[in-house]
Amino acid sequence: MEAVAARVRLWVKMEPFLVGALPVPPPTRLGPHYLRKMVAYARARAAEGYFPRLSWPCWRHVACGKLQLSRGLAWLYFELFRSLLRHDPPRSLEWAEAEAACASAEELERERSKLSVDTLQFLLFLYLQQVNKVSLRRSLIGEEWPCPRTKSPSLTGKSASENKNWNDQDHRAFVQSHLLDMLELLLEPEQLTATSHSTHSSLVSYEAVCALSFLIEGTVNKSKTVHPLHELALWQPCHGQNGYSKVSRAFSFPKLESWLRSCLTTNPFGMNACLKSGKKLAWAQQVEGTTRRAKIACNTRVVPEVFPMVIMSQVYKQTLAKSSDTLVGAHVRIHRCNESFIYLLSPLRSVTIEKCRNSTFVLGPVQASVHVHSCDNVKVIVVCHRLSLSSTTGCTFYILTPTQPLILPGNQAVSFAPFHTHYPMLEDHMAQVGLATLPNYWDSPMLVCKESGDMSVFRLLPPSDFYTFVIPFEMEGDTTETPGGLPPAYQKALSQREQKIQIWQKTVKEAGLTK
C-alpha cells in the first residue's frame, strides 16, 4: 500500500498565492471564524444565488453588510479571484468592452451583477489572504514556532524568504498548517458538529475536493502530465488511502486529510526549484554594460499546464532587452537591479519588481498583475491588468490598466502618468492576453489599508513634465502609435512643445545666418 501512496505527488499551486494573495495583511473580518459563518450563510441561501455559485450582488451583500468591507474592497477581492481563472482572451476583451460602454455607476453595477464565481473556491481564495497576516508571536521571535522554517535560497545563495507570495516553501507550509481548517470550510453542514468542526466520521464531498483543485495539483509516478487534485483523488489505486467510496461519492475526512499530507511535496515548478535546477539564461552575456553580477534563471521543465518562471537578479548599470518565447506567459521576478534599463517586450503573466533603484522597466502587456515593492526612483512603463505598489519612494508609473492601481502601505511620492510608448507587436501582444485600451483607470488609484489612506502619497504627473518614450529597437509588427492615444491635456502639452521647436527651426532657417 505504501508503494502506491508514493506514486502520487501533490504540490501547492503557485498562482493562487503569487497573483491571488494581496501582499498586505487581510481585514480581520476575513479570518477563518467569519468565513465559516459565511459558508453556512451561503449554503442556507442556495436558491438566492449564493451557492454553488456566488453572484456579485450576493457577495456584495455579505462583504458590505456582514463583513463590513467597503464596496471597493469587496469588488477588489471578487475581481482578483476572477483574474486567477484562465479566461480566454476574447472573453476578457468582451468584458472590457461591456465595462467601457457603461455610462453610469448604475449601469456598471448592472453589468457586474451578471457575474458569479464558484462559492467554495472563492472561500478558499479568501482564506489564502491569511498568508500575509502579521503574526504577533512570529514578529516577536522572528520565526514561526515551534517549527523553524527553512529559508529559501535566492539567486545569490542568500535567503530570499521575505516575499511570501513568491516563496513556494511558504505556500506549502501554509497549506500544511491550515489544511484541517480549509477542509472543514468545505464540508456540508450535516458533516459538522454544532461548533462547525469535523468528526471522525465526517465525509468530504467530491465537489469539495474539486474546489481544493483550485489550490493543489500533482502527477502520477514520474509522468510529466500535471493533473488537478480531484482527478488524482478519484484514481482507483488511491481509494484505499484517501477513503473514497463510490457508493456515497465522498471521501472519509481523516483518511483524505492524511493522504493529502503524505503526498504534499515541494512544487517542481516553484521558485526554489527554478533557482536550484533551473536553466541559467545567457541573456546576462548579451547586454551592454558590466555583466559580472547579473543572474538570470528560468525553470527548465515547462509543461503546458504551468506558467513558466523567469527570475532576474542584480542587473547593474546595464541595458537588457528581450522579446522571446522564454518570456511568453511567464511569471517574472526582477530583484535588486540598479541603474539599468530593462525591456521585456513579450506578453507576460505577472511581474514582481523588488528592491530595485534608479532603473526603467518597459514591459510587454501583463495579463495578471505587476507588483512593485521596496523600490526607489524607478519608472515602470506597462499595459497591465492590475498594478499594486508597496513601500516605494519617488517612483513613476506610465500605465494603461482596466483596474484601479492599488496603493498598499509604505509609499511616498508616487506619480501616475498615461502609458506613452509603443513597439511594433504591442497591440498583437495585448490581444493575446486579453487587454483592451478601455476602460483605463491609470489616474484613479485605490488606497488599500488605513495607513495608506492619505491621498497625498500620490500625484498625477503634470503635463508640463510629460514626454513620450521611444523604444529604440526594430521589430516586425503593425503598431505605430500609443494604443488608445493620450489624454487631451497631455497631447496638448506635447503638441505645444513640438510647435515651439518648429517655430524655432523656422526662425533659424529664415534668419539667413552665416556659419
Protein backbone atom coordinates (compact mmCIF):
# COMPACT_ATOMS: atom_id res chain seq x y z
CA MET A 1 0.00 0.00 0.00
CA GLU A 2 2.81 2.44 0.88
CA ALA A 3 4.35 1.98 -2.56
CA VAL A 4 1.13 3.13 -4.19
CA ALA A 5 0.87 6.22 -1.99
CA ALA A 6 4.33 7.28 -3.08
CA ARG A 7 3.24 7.22 -6.71
CA VAL A 8 1.09 10.33 -6.38
CA ARG A 9 2.95 13.61 -5.92
CA LEU A 10 0.91 16.64 -4.94
CA TRP A 11 2.03 20.22 -4.58
CA VAL A 12 0.53 23.63 -3.86
CA LYS A 13 -0.06 25.69 -6.98
CA MET A 14 1.99 28.87 -7.30
CA GLU A 15 -0.60 31.14 -8.94
CA PRO A 16 -3.23 31.48 -6.18
CA PHE A 17 -0.52 32.86 -3.86
CA LEU A 18 1.59 34.72 -6.39
CA VAL A 19 -1.25 36.52 -8.17
CA GLY A 20 -4.17 35.93 -5.79
CA ALA A 21 -2.89 36.84 -2.33
CA LEU A 22 -2.89 40.60 -1.82
CA PRO A 23 0.56 41.43 -0.40
CA VAL A 24 -0.96 43.10 2.65
CA PRO A 25 -2.50 41.83 5.94
CA PRO A 26 -6.18 40.96 5.30
CA PRO A 27 -9.09 42.67 7.11
CA THR A 28 -9.82 40.97 10.47
CA ARG A 29 -13.27 40.01 9.25
CA LEU A 30 -11.81 37.78 6.55
CA GLY A 31 -10.47 35.46 9.28
CA PRO A 32 -11.44 31.74 9.49
CA HIS A 33 -14.21 32.37 12.07
CA TYR A 34 -16.11 34.72 9.77
CA LEU A 35 -15.51 32.57 6.68
CA ARG A 36 -17.14 29.61 8.49
CA LYS A 37 -20.18 31.80 9.19
CA MET A 38 -20.17 32.92 5.57
CA VAL A 39 -20.20 29.38 4.13
CA ALA A 40 -23.13 28.39 6.39
CA TYR A 41 -25.00 31.55 5.32
CA ALA A 42 -24.31 30.84 1.62
CA ARG A 43 -25.38 27.18 1.76
CA ALA A 44 -28.61 28.13 3.52
CA ARG A 45 -29.43 30.54 0.68
CA ALA A 46 -28.56 28.35 -2.28
CA ALA A 47 -31.77 29.30 -4.08
CA GLU A 48 -30.95 33.04 -3.96
CA GLY A 49 -27.65 32.97 -5.87
CA TYR A 50 -25.24 32.18 -3.02
CA PHE A 51 -24.43 28.53 -3.72
CA PRO A 52 -22.87 26.61 -5.54
CA ARG A 53 -22.07 29.84 -7.40
CA LEU A 54 -21.90 33.18 -5.67
CA SER A 55 -23.16 36.14 -7.69
CA TRP A 56 -21.62 39.61 -7.34
CA PRO A 57 -24.76 41.14 -5.68
CA CYS A 58 -24.79 38.30 -3.10
CA TRP A 59 -21.08 38.68 -2.31
CA ARG A 60 -21.52 42.47 -2.09
CA HIS A 61 -24.33 41.92 0.42
CA VAL A 62 -22.19 39.57 2.56
CA ALA A 63 -19.00 41.64 2.26
CA CYS A 64 -20.51 45.06 2.94
CA GLY A 65 -23.38 44.02 5.22
CA LYS A 66 -21.85 41.21 7.28
CA LEU A 67 -18.07 41.55 6.99
CA GLN A 68 -18.05 45.36 6.99
CA LEU A 69 -15.76 45.68 3.96
CA SER A 70 -16.08 48.74 1.73
CA ARG A 71 -17.73 48.17 -1.65
CA GLY A 72 -14.40 48.94 -3.36
CA LEU A 73 -12.61 46.25 -1.37
CA ALA A 74 -15.45 43.76 -1.94
CA TRP A 75 -15.13 44.26 -5.71
CA LEU A 76 -11.33 44.07 -5.48
CA TYR A 77 -11.43 40.56 -3.94
CA PHE A 78 -14.16 39.40 -6.34
CA GLU A 79 -12.32 40.72 -9.39
CA LEU A 80 -8.93 39.48 -8.14
CA PHE A 81 -10.33 35.95 -7.85
CA ARG A 82 -11.80 36.15 -11.36
CA SER A 83 -8.43 37.23 -12.77
CA LEU A 84 -6.93 33.97 -11.45
CA LEU A 85 -9.23 31.86 -13.60
CA ARG A 86 -7.80 31.33 -17.02
CA HIS A 87 -10.32 33.19 -19.16
CA ASP A 88 -9.63 33.03 -22.86
CA PRO A 89 -8.54 36.48 -24.13
CA PRO A 90 -11.68 37.05 -26.29
CA ARG A 91 -13.85 36.75 -23.15
CA SER A 92 -11.68 39.25 -21.27
CA LEU A 93 -11.93 41.66 -24.21
CA GLU A 94 -15.73 41.22 -24.29
CA TRP A 95 -15.93 42.09 -20.60
CA ALA A 96 -13.68 45.15 -21.13
CA GLU A 97 -15.97 46.32 -23.93
CA ALA A 98 -19.11 45.87 -21.79
CA GLU A 99 -17.49 47.73 -18.88
CA ALA A 100 -16.23 50.57 -21.08
CA ALA A 101 -19.72 51.01 -22.57
CA CYS A 102 -21.28 51.73 -19.14
CA ALA A 103 -22.20 55.41 -18.93
CA SER A 104 -23.03 55.46 -15.19
CA ALA A 105 -22.25 53.70 -11.92
CA GLU A 106 -25.73 52.11 -12.05
CA GLU A 107 -25.09 50.64 -15.49
CA LEU A 108 -21.72 49.30 -14.37
CA GLU A 109 -23.36 47.69 -11.34
CA ARG A 110 -25.97 46.08 -13.62
CA GLU A 111 -23.19 44.68 -15.81
CA ARG A 112 -21.28 43.35 -12.78
CA SER A 113 -24.46 41.71 -11.46
CA LYS A 114 -24.26 39.20 -14.31
CA LEU A 115 -21.01 37.80 -12.89
CA SER A 116 -20.63 34.90 -10.48
CA VAL A 117 -17.83 32.73 -9.04
CA ASP A 118 -17.57 29.21 -7.61
CA THR A 119 -18.55 29.69 -3.94
CA LEU A 120 -16.23 27.09 -2.38
CA GLN A 121 -13.19 28.10 -4.45
CA PHE A 122 -13.84 31.76 -3.64
CA LEU A 123 -13.93 30.91 0.09
CA LEU A 124 -10.57 29.15 -0.21
CA PHE A 125 -9.21 32.18 -2.06
CA LEU A 126 -10.39 34.44 0.79
CA TYR A 127 -8.82 32.05 3.30
CA LEU A 128 -5.49 32.29 1.43
CA GLN A 129 -5.31 36.00 2.19
CA GLN A 130 -4.24 34.90 5.71
CA VAL A 131 -0.80 34.06 4.28
CA ASN A 132 0.12 37.74 4.67
CA LYS A 133 -1.39 38.08 8.13
CA VAL A 134 1.10 39.52 10.59
CA SER A 135 1.57 37.11 13.47
CA LEU A 136 2.44 38.84 16.73
CA ARG A 137 4.22 35.76 18.02
CA ARG A 138 6.33 35.47 14.87
CA SER A 139 7.22 39.15 14.87
CA LEU A 140 8.49 38.75 18.44
CA ILE A 141 10.54 35.59 17.92
CA GLY A 142 11.40 36.20 14.31
CA GLU A 143 10.32 32.76 13.10
CA GLU A 144 7.25 30.59 13.21
CA TRP A 145 7.23 28.50 16.33
CA PRO A 146 7.76 25.65 17.00
CA CYS A 147 8.99 24.69 13.51
CA PRO A 148 11.90 26.75 12.21
CA ARG A 149 11.14 27.42 8.58
CA THR A 150 13.79 26.55 6.04
CA LYS A 151 14.77 29.71 4.25
CA SER A 152 14.73 29.56 0.50
CA PRO A 153 17.87 30.30 -1.47
CA SER A 154 17.93 33.40 -3.64
CA LEU A 155 19.87 33.75 -6.85
CA THR A 156 22.78 34.93 -4.76
CA GLY A 157 22.55 31.99 -2.37
CA LYS A 158 21.36 34.31 0.41
CA SER A 159 17.93 33.86 1.92
CA ALA A 160 15.06 35.35 -0.04
CA SER A 161 12.30 34.49 2.37
CA GLU A 162 10.80 37.95 2.70
CA ASN A 163 8.37 37.66 -0.22
CA LYS A 164 5.76 35.10 0.78
CA ASN A 165 3.84 35.49 -2.46
CA TRP A 166 6.84 34.04 -4.35
CA ASN A 167 8.17 31.52 -1.86
CA ASP A 168 6.63 28.12 -2.57
CA GLN A 169 8.04 26.70 0.70
CA ASP A 170 5.85 29.26 2.49
CA HIS A 171 2.85 28.19 0.40
CA ARG A 172 3.35 24.54 1.30
CA ALA A 173 3.90 25.37 4.99
CA PHE A 174 0.71 27.47 4.95
CA VAL A 175 -1.40 24.69 3.41
CA GLN A 176 0.07 22.00 5.68
CA SER A 177 -0.66 24.01 8.82
CA HIS A 178 -4.17 25.15 7.75
CA LEU A 179 -5.33 22.04 5.89
CA LEU A 180 -7.77 20.97 8.62
CA ASP A 181 -9.38 24.42 8.68
CA MET A 182 -9.68 24.56 4.91
CA LEU A 183 -11.21 21.10 4.64
CA GLU A 184 -13.74 21.97 7.38
CA LEU A 185 -14.67 25.09 5.42
CA LEU A 186 -15.68 22.84 2.51
CA LEU A 187 -17.80 20.36 4.49
CA GLU A 188 -21.57 20.17 4.16
CA PRO A 189 -23.46 21.37 7.29
CA GLU A 190 -24.59 17.86 8.30
CA GLN A 191 -20.94 16.71 8.42
CA LEU A 192 -20.07 19.31 11.07
CA THR A 193 -20.59 19.48 14.82
CA ALA A 194 -22.51 22.36 16.43
CA THR A 195 -19.21 24.27 16.72
CA SER A 196 -18.51 23.87 12.97
CA HIS A 197 -15.83 21.20 13.34
CA SER A 198 -15.39 17.79 11.70
CA THR A 199 -15.76 14.41 13.40
CA HIS A 200 -14.04 11.10 12.70
CA SER A 201 -16.98 10.00 10.58
CA SER A 202 -17.31 13.23 8.52
CA LEU A 203 -17.45 12.79 4.75
CA VAL A 204 -15.90 15.18 2.24
CA SER A 205 -17.94 15.54 -0.95
CA TYR A 206 -16.40 15.18 -4.41
CA GLU A 207 -17.41 18.83 -5.09
CA ALA A 208 -15.32 19.93 -2.08
CA VAL A 209 -12.27 18.11 -3.47
CA CYS A 210 -12.91 19.77 -6.85
CA ALA A 211 -12.82 23.13 -5.04
CA LEU A 212 -9.49 22.15 -3.47
CA SER A 213 -8.10 21.68 -7.00
CA PHE A 214 -8.01 25.47 -7.07
CA LEU A 215 -5.01 25.10 -4.73
CA ILE A 216 -3.49 21.67 -5.32
CA GLU A 217 -2.34 19.74 -8.38
CA GLY A 218 0.06 16.86 -8.98
CA THR A 219 1.34 13.96 -11.07
CA VAL A 220 1.23 10.17 -11.06
CA ASN A 221 4.55 8.30 -10.96
CA LYS A 222 7.17 10.24 -12.88
CA SER A 223 4.72 11.38 -15.54
CA LYS A 224 5.17 14.89 -16.98
CA THR A 225 1.38 15.36 -17.14
CA VAL A 226 0.00 17.65 -14.44
CA HIS A 227 -3.49 16.78 -13.15
CA PRO A 228 -5.87 18.71 -10.88
CA LEU A 229 -6.30 17.21 -7.41
CA HIS A 230 -9.84 15.85 -7.97
CA GLU A 231 -8.70 13.69 -10.92
CA LEU A 232 -5.87 12.18 -8.88
CA ALA A 233 -8.13 11.63 -5.85
CA LEU A 234 -10.51 9.57 -8.00
CA TRP A 235 -7.67 7.38 -9.30
CA GLN A 236 -8.58 3.81 -8.26
CA PRO A 237 -5.27 2.84 -6.52
CA CYS A 238 -5.62 5.85 -4.17
CA HIS A 239 -9.07 4.95 -2.80
CA GLY A 240 -7.53 2.83 -0.05
CA GLN A 241 -5.56 5.81 1.27
CA ASN A 242 -8.00 8.67 0.73
CA GLY A 243 -11.12 6.79 1.77
CA TYR A 244 -13.19 7.38 -1.41
CA SER A 245 -16.43 5.45 -1.56
CA LYS A 246 -18.22 5.03 -4.88
CA VAL A 247 -21.48 4.49 -3.03
CA SER A 248 -21.52 7.81 -1.19
CA ARG A 249 -19.39 9.62 -3.87
CA ALA A 250 -17.44 11.07 -0.94
CA PHE A 251 -14.14 10.74 0.93
CA SER A 252 -13.53 9.88 4.57
CA PHE A 253 -12.39 13.13 6.23
CA PRO A 254 -9.49 11.72 8.35
CA LYS A 255 -8.24 9.49 5.53
CA LEU A 256 -8.37 12.24 2.94
CA GLU A 257 -6.54 14.64 5.24
CA SER A 258 -3.73 12.18 5.98
CA TRP A 259 -3.45 11.19 2.27
CA LEU A 260 -3.10 14.87 1.29
CA ARG A 261 -0.46 15.43 3.97
CA SER A 262 1.56 12.37 2.96
CA CYS A 263 1.53 13.27 -0.76
CA LEU A 264 2.26 17.02 -0.48
CA THR A 265 5.78 17.81 -1.68
CA THR A 266 7.71 20.81 -2.97
CA ASN A 267 6.35 22.39 -6.14
CA PRO A 268 8.60 21.18 -9.00
CA PHE A 269 7.79 24.37 -10.92
CA GLY A 270 8.17 26.79 -8.00
CA MET A 271 10.76 29.47 -7.33
CA ASN A 272 13.04 27.21 -5.28
CA ALA A 273 13.16 24.54 -7.99
CA CYS A 274 13.77 27.29 -10.55
CA LEU A 275 16.76 28.59 -8.58
CA LYS A 276 18.17 25.17 -7.75
CA SER A 277 17.86 23.33 -11.04
CA GLY A 278 16.60 25.98 -13.44
CA LYS A 279 18.36 26.93 -16.64
CA LYS A 280 20.69 29.90 -16.29
CA LEU A 281 19.88 32.15 -19.23
CA ALA A 282 22.65 33.55 -21.35
CA TRP A 283 20.93 36.95 -21.53
CA ALA A 284 23.32 38.34 -18.97
CA GLN A 285 26.07 37.96 -21.58
CA GLN A 286 24.06 39.75 -24.25
CA VAL A 287 23.71 43.13 -22.64
CA GLU A 288 25.63 46.35 -22.77
CA GLY A 289 27.48 47.32 -19.63
CA THR A 290 29.08 45.32 -16.84
CA THR A 291 27.74 41.77 -16.75
CA ARG A 292 29.73 40.36 -13.87
CA ARG A 293 26.94 40.18 -11.29
CA ALA A 294 23.76 39.69 -13.31
CA LYS A 295 21.99 36.40 -12.67
CA ILE A 296 19.00 35.26 -14.71
CA ALA A 297 17.27 31.86 -14.43
CA CYS A 298 14.13 30.19 -15.77
CA ASN A 299 12.54 26.85 -14.92
CA THR A 300 13.58 24.07 -17.24
CA ARG A 301 10.69 21.60 -17.20
CA VAL A 302 8.00 23.71 -18.73
CA VAL A 303 4.69 21.89 -19.18
CA PRO A 304 1.58 23.39 -20.82
CA GLU A 305 -0.45 23.43 -17.58
CA VAL A 306 2.11 25.52 -15.70
CA PHE A 307 3.19 29.08 -16.48
CA PRO A 308 6.97 29.43 -16.93
CA MET A 309 9.03 31.45 -14.49
CA VAL A 310 11.93 33.85 -15.07
CA ILE A 311 13.95 35.31 -12.20
CA MET A 312 16.43 38.17 -12.75
CA SER A 313 18.70 39.50 -10.07
CA GLN A 314 21.44 42.11 -9.68
CA VAL A 315 21.38 43.59 -13.15
CA TYR A 316 23.64 46.60 -12.59
CA LYS A 317 24.35 49.52 -14.97
CA GLN A 318 23.05 47.57 -17.96
CA THR A 319 20.59 47.74 -20.79
CA LEU A 320 18.79 44.41 -21.19
CA ALA A 321 16.27 43.97 -24.00
CA LYS A 322 14.35 40.77 -24.70
CA SER A 323 11.39 39.56 -26.69
CA SER A 324 11.48 35.77 -26.58
CA ASP A 325 9.44 32.60 -26.19
CA THR A 326 11.01 32.08 -22.76
CA LEU A 327 9.07 35.14 -21.60
CA VAL A 328 5.66 34.45 -23.17
CA GLY A 329 3.12 33.90 -20.38
CA ALA A 330 5.88 33.89 -17.75
CA HIS A 331 5.84 34.97 -14.13
CA VAL A 332 8.82 37.33 -13.91
CA ARG A 333 10.63 38.40 -10.75
CA ILE A 334 13.10 41.28 -11.04
CA HIS A 335 15.16 41.66 -7.90
CA ARG A 336 17.90 44.11 -6.79
CA CYS A 337 18.50 45.78 -10.15
CA ASN A 338 20.23 49.15 -10.14
CA GLU A 339 20.83 51.93 -12.69
CA SER A 340 19.58 49.78 -15.57
CA PHE A 341 17.14 49.85 -18.47
CA ILE A 342 15.20 46.60 -18.80
CA TYR A 343 12.91 45.94 -21.77
CA LEU A 344 10.87 42.70 -21.67
CA LEU A 345 8.75 43.05 -24.82
CA SER A 346 6.66 39.88 -24.75
CA PRO A 347 3.16 39.13 -23.36
CA LEU A 348 3.71 38.23 -19.67
CA ARG A 349 1.57 36.60 -16.96
CA SER A 350 2.79 38.53 -13.91
CA VAL A 351 5.75 40.71 -12.89
CA THR A 352 7.19 41.45 -9.44
CA ILE A 353 9.81 44.19 -9.16
CA GLU A 354 11.57 44.28 -5.79
CA LYS A 355 14.38 46.25 -4.18
CA CYS A 356 15.37 47.98 -7.42
CA ARG A 357 16.74 51.53 -7.71
CA ASN A 358 17.22 54.22 -10.35
CA SER A 359 16.03 51.99 -13.20
CA THR A 360 13.48 51.97 -16.02
CA PHE A 361 11.35 48.91 -16.78
CA VAL A 362 9.48 48.70 -20.09
CA LEU A 363 7.23 45.64 -20.05
CA GLY A 364 5.07 43.86 -22.60
CA PRO A 365 1.35 43.54 -21.68
CA VAL A 366 0.89 41.75 -18.33
CA GLN A 367 -2.19 39.52 -18.14
CA ALA A 368 -2.49 39.33 -14.34
CA SER A 369 -0.56 41.74 -12.14
CA VAL A 370 2.50 43.93 -11.71
CA HIS A 371 3.61 44.34 -8.09
CA VAL A 372 6.34 46.85 -7.21
CA HIS A 373 7.80 46.61 -3.72
CA SER A 374 10.55 48.40 -1.85
CA CYS A 375 11.87 50.31 -4.89
CA ASP A 376 13.37 53.81 -5.14
CA ASN A 377 13.21 56.11 -8.13
CA VAL A 378 12.13 53.57 -10.73
CA LYS A 379 9.99 54.14 -13.82
CA VAL A 380 7.61 51.39 -14.89
CA ILE A 381 6.01 51.59 -18.34
CA VAL A 382 3.34 48.93 -18.87
CA VAL A 383 -0.12 47.87 -20.06
CA CYS A 384 -1.33 45.52 -17.30
CA HIS A 385 -4.49 44.06 -15.80
CA ARG A 386 -3.53 45.25 -12.32
CA LEU A 387 -0.79 47.30 -10.69
CA SER A 388 -0.05 47.29 -6.96
CA LEU A 389 2.73 49.05 -5.05
CA SER A 390 4.08 48.93 -1.53
CA SER A 391 6.99 50.66 0.23
CA THR A 392 8.11 52.60 -2.85
CA THR A 393 9.73 56.06 -2.91
CA GLY A 394 9.75 58.50 -5.83
CA CYS A 395 8.54 56.03 -8.47
CA THR A 396 6.66 56.93 -11.67
CA PHE A 397 4.18 54.59 -13.37
CA TYR A 398 3.19 55.14 -17.02
CA ILE A 399 0.27 52.75 -17.27
CA LEU A 400 -2.80 51.59 -19.15
CA THR A 401 -4.93 49.40 -16.87
CA PRO A 402 -8.59 48.29 -16.66
CA THR A 403 -8.50 48.19 -12.81
CA GLN A 404 -7.65 50.81 -10.20
CA PRO A 405 -3.94 50.84 -9.28
CA LEU A 406 -3.59 49.63 -5.67
CA ILE A 407 -1.60 51.77 -3.28
CA LEU A 408 -0.67 49.48 -0.37
CA PRO A 409 1.14 50.74 2.77
CA GLY A 410 4.52 52.46 2.89
CA ASN A 411 4.63 54.51 -0.33
CA GLN A 412 5.94 58.05 -0.76
CA ALA A 413 5.93 60.45 -3.72
CA VAL A 414 4.22 58.16 -6.25
CA SER A 415 3.49 59.63 -9.71
CA PHE A 416 0.99 58.20 -12.19
CA ALA A 417 1.01 59.11 -15.87
CA PRO A 418 -0.70 57.76 -19.01
CA PHE A 419 1.02 54.95 -20.93
CA HIS A 420 3.11 56.74 -23.54
CA THR A 421 5.01 54.40 -25.81
CA HIS A 422 4.63 51.58 -28.33
CA TYR A 423 6.57 48.83 -30.09
CA PRO A 424 5.52 47.08 -33.33
CA MET A 425 3.99 43.94 -31.69
CA LEU A 426 2.29 45.74 -28.78
CA GLU A 427 -1.34 45.51 -29.98
CA ASP A 428 -0.90 41.86 -31.00
CA HIS A 429 0.52 41.11 -27.55
CA MET A 430 -2.37 42.97 -25.87
CA ALA A 431 -4.87 40.84 -27.79
CA GLN A 432 -3.01 37.66 -26.75
CA VAL A 433 -3.50 38.46 -23.06
CA GLY A 434 -7.00 39.97 -23.41
CA LEU A 435 -6.17 43.62 -22.59
CA ALA A 436 -8.00 46.48 -24.33
CA THR A 437 -7.43 50.27 -24.37
CA LEU A 438 -10.67 50.92 -22.44
CA PRO A 439 -11.61 51.16 -19.63
CA ASN A 440 -8.38 52.82 -18.41
CA TYR A 441 -8.08 53.67 -14.70
CA TRP A 442 -4.47 54.92 -14.77
CA ASP A 443 -5.49 58.13 -12.98
CA SER A 444 -7.77 56.79 -10.21
CA PRO A 445 -5.77 54.69 -7.76
CA MET A 446 -7.33 52.96 -4.76
CA LEU A 447 -5.77 53.36 -1.31
CA VAL A 448 -5.87 49.97 0.40
CA CYS A 449 -5.42 49.87 4.23
CA LYS A 450 -5.94 52.58 6.79
CA GLU A 451 -2.36 53.81 6.91
CA SER A 452 -2.21 54.31 3.15
CA GLY A 453 -5.41 56.36 3.29
CA ASP A 454 -3.51 59.62 2.85
CA MET A 455 -4.23 60.96 -0.65
CA SER A 456 -1.00 62.99 -0.62
CA VAL A 457 1.16 59.91 -1.25
CA PHE A 458 0.47 60.15 -4.99
CA ARG A 459 0.09 62.74 -7.72
CA LEU A 460 -0.78 62.69 -11.42
CA LEU A 461 2.27 63.72 -13.41
CA PRO A 462 1.82 67.37 -14.57
CA PRO A 463 1.51 67.57 -18.40
CA SER A 464 4.45 70.03 -18.40
CA ASP A 465 6.73 67.18 -17.14
CA PHE A 466 5.40 64.66 -19.65
CA TYR A 467 7.46 63.42 -22.61
CA THR A 468 6.81 60.41 -24.84
CA PHE A 469 9.13 57.44 -24.58
CA VAL A 470 10.71 55.83 -27.64
CA ILE A 471 11.56 52.12 -27.57
CA PRO A 472 14.79 52.06 -29.62
CA PHE A 473 14.52 48.59 -31.21
CA GLU A 474 13.46 47.37 -34.61
CA MET A 475 10.92 44.55 -34.67
CA GLU A 476 8.26 43.17 -37.00
CA GLY A 477 4.68 44.29 -36.32
CA ASP A 478 1.89 46.76 -37.06
CA THR A 479 1.64 49.07 -34.02
CA THR A 480 2.86 52.56 -34.92
CA GLU A 481 1.40 54.70 -32.11
CA THR A 482 0.42 54.57 -28.45
CA PRO A 483 -2.69 52.32 -28.19
CA GLY A 484 -5.74 54.39 -27.23
CA GLY A 485 -3.86 57.69 -27.71
CA LEU A 486 -3.10 60.17 -24.90
CA PRO A 487 -5.47 62.14 -22.63
CA PRO A 488 -6.18 65.63 -24.16
CA ALA A 489 -4.14 67.63 -21.61
CA TYR A 490 -1.02 65.52 -22.25
CA GLN A 491 -1.50 65.50 -26.01
CA LYS A 492 -1.84 69.30 -25.94
CA ALA A 493 1.39 69.72 -23.93
CA LEU A 494 3.27 67.57 -26.47
CA SER A 495 1.80 69.42 -29.46
CA GLN A 496 2.67 72.84 -27.99
CA ARG A 497 6.23 71.70 -27.32
CA GLU A 498 6.54 70.38 -30.89
CA GLN A 499 5.15 73.65 -32.24
CA LYS A 500 7.76 75.66 -30.33
CA ILE A 501 10.55 73.56 -31.81
CA GLN A 502 9.16 74.03 -35.33
CA ILE A 503 8.86 77.82 -34.86
CA TRP A 504 12.44 77.96 -33.58
CA GLN A 505 13.74 75.89 -36.52
CA LYS A 506 11.81 78.13 -38.96
CA THR A 507 13.22 81.28 -37.29
CA VAL A 508 16.78 79.96 -37.61
CA LYS A 509 16.19 78.98 -41.24
CA GLU A 510 14.75 82.36 -42.20
CA ALA A 511 17.35 84.42 -40.33
CA GLY A 512 19.92 83.79 -43.08
CA LEU A 513 22.71 83.33 -40.55
CA THR A 514 26.31 82.72 -41.60
CA LYS A 515 28.02 79.54 -40.40
